[in-house]
C-alpha cells in the first residue's frame, strides 16, 4: 500500500531530550509524487520547513530546518518509518540527528491529527 502524506497534519507524542519539537508543534505535509514538503511551528519552534523523499513503503528520508524561540537556526536529518493505526491515521517512528548545534541524535514519534 502506497502511503500519501498530502494534506496530513502531525503532532509529536514522544521526543528525545535534545529535540526541540513538542506536543505544541504542528507539522503540515504536502506531497507531489515521491517528494514530501512540510511546514511546522509551535512550542519552541517559530518557523520550520522540511523536504523528504518517500519510498514505496512510505519511509521518509528527510532534511529539516527551523528557527527556535532563541532565534537560532537549527538543521537536521531524519528517517521516518510509518505505522498505519487501526483508525487509519499514520504514526511515524523517527530517528533524527542535528546537523547543527551539538550534533546530537534522538528518536521521536509523531502521529497524524484530524482537523
Protein backbone atom coordinates (compact mmCIF):
# COMPACT_ATOMS: atom_id res chain seq x y z
CA UNK A 1 0.00 0.00 0.00
CA UNK A 2 1.45 3.33 -1.07
CA UNK A 3 1.04 6.00 1.59
CA UNK A 4 0.17 9.56 0.64
CA UNK A 5 1.20 12.33 3.04
CA UNK A 6 -0.53 15.13 1.15
CA UNK A 7 -2.57 17.47 3.39
CA UNK A 8 -1.86 15.41 6.52
CA UNK A 9 -1.04 17.06 9.86
CA UNK A 10 1.10 15.56 12.62
CA UNK A 11 1.93 16.30 16.26
CA UNK A 12 4.77 14.80 18.30
CA UNK A 13 3.77 12.41 21.08
CA UNK A 14 7.33 11.49 22.14
CA UNK A 15 10.76 13.08 21.62
CA UNK A 16 14.29 12.68 22.93
CA UNK A 17 15.58 15.24 25.42
CA UNK A 18 17.80 17.05 22.91
CA UNK A 19 14.93 17.55 20.46
CA UNK A 20 13.09 20.87 20.16
CA UNK A 21 9.64 19.82 18.95
CA UNK A 22 6.88 19.14 21.46
CA UNK A 23 3.17 18.41 21.60
CA UNK A 24 2.65 22.10 20.82
CA UNK A 25 4.39 21.73 17.42
CA UNK A 26 2.17 21.11 14.38
CA UNK A 27 3.56 19.68 11.13
CA UNK A 28 1.68 20.18 7.85
CA UNK A 29 2.78 17.89 5.00
CA UNK A 30 2.31 18.16 1.22
CA UNK A 31 3.24 15.54 -1.35
CA UNK A 32 3.81 15.53 -5.12
CA UNK A 33 4.99 12.20 -6.45
CA UNK A 34 7.84 10.95 -4.28
CA UNK A 35 8.60 14.40 -2.82
CA UNK A 36 7.17 15.46 0.55
CA UNK A 37 7.46 19.02 1.82
CA UNK A 38 6.21 20.46 5.04
CA UNK A 39 5.99 23.41 7.36
CA UNK A 40 5.97 23.29 11.14
CA UNK A 41 5.71 25.67 14.07
CA UNK A 42 4.62 25.82 17.68
CA UNK A 43 6.19 25.36 21.09
CA UNK A 44 9.91 26.19 20.86
CA UNK A 45 9.72 26.46 17.04
CA UNK A 46 8.89 29.83 15.46
CA UNK A 47 9.01 28.56 11.86
CA UNK A 48 10.38 25.49 10.16
CA UNK A 49 10.27 23.56 6.93
CA UNK A 50 11.27 20.14 5.69
CA UNK A 51 11.81 18.23 2.48
CA UNK A 52 11.83 14.46 2.08
CA UNK A 53 11.81 11.63 -0.41
CA UNK A 54 9.27 8.90 0.22
CA UNK A 55 9.88 5.29 -0.88
CA UNK A 56 7.38 2.61 -1.86
CA UNK A 57 6.95 1.54 1.78
CA UNK A 58 6.18 5.11 2.90
CA UNK A 59 9.55 5.65 4.61
CA UNK A 60 10.76 9.25 4.59
CA UNK A 61 14.38 10.38 4.10
CA UNK A 62 14.12 13.94 5.39
CA UNK A 63 16.10 17.13 5.94
CA UNK A 64 14.71 19.91 8.13
CA UNK A 65 15.48 23.42 9.31
CA UNK A 66 13.83 25.81 11.72
CA UNK A 67 14.26 28.92 13.81
CA UNK A 68 13.66 28.37 17.51
CA UNK A 69 12.38 30.83 20.12
CA UNK A 70 16.01 31.70 20.98
CA UNK A 71 16.42 32.97 17.40
CA UNK A 72 18.82 30.17 16.46
CA UNK A 73 18.62 28.42 13.08
CA UNK A 74 18.76 24.65 13.57
CA UNK A 75 19.17 21.98 10.87
CA UNK A 76 18.95 18.22 10.86
CA UNK A 77 18.21 14.97 9.10
CA UNK A 78 15.60 12.35 9.90
CA UNK A 79 14.49 8.88 8.82
CA UNK A 80 10.79 8.19 9.42
CA UNK A 81 9.10 4.78 9.27
CA UNK A 82 5.30 4.76 9.06
CA UNK A 83 2.82 2.68 11.03
CA UNK A 84 -0.84 2.78 9.97
CA UNK A 85 -3.02 2.83 13.09
CA UNK A 86 -6.30 0.91 13.37
CA UNK A 87 -8.26 4.14 12.72
CA UNK A 88 -6.30 4.83 9.51
CA UNK A 89 -4.09 7.59 10.92
CA UNK A 90 -0.34 7.45 10.37
CA UNK A 91 2.20 7.23 13.19
CA UNK A 92 5.81 7.98 12.23
CA UNK A 93 8.70 6.40 14.14
CA UNK A 94 11.61 8.77 13.63
CA UNK A 95 15.37 8.62 14.09
CA UNK A 96 16.96 12.05 13.75
CA UNK A 97 20.26 13.89 14.12
CA UNK A 98 21.10 17.56 14.31
CA UNK A 99 23.45 18.78 11.57
CA UNK A 100 23.99 21.99 13.57
CA UNK A 101 24.47 22.79 17.23
CA UNK A 102 25.69 19.84 19.32
CA UNK A 103 25.10 17.27 16.51
CA UNK A 104 23.23 15.03 18.96
CA UNK A 105 20.71 12.45 17.81
CA UNK A 106 17.47 11.03 19.10
CA UNK A 107 14.15 9.39 18.43
CA UNK A 108 10.64 10.73 18.21
CA UNK A 109 7.12 9.60 17.41
CA UNK A 110 4.65 11.85 15.62
CA UNK A 111 1.01 10.97 14.99
CA UNK A 112 -1.46 12.26 12.47
CA UNK A 113 -4.11 14.57 13.90
CA UNK A 114 -7.55 15.17 12.48
CA UNK A 115 -8.67 18.75 11.80
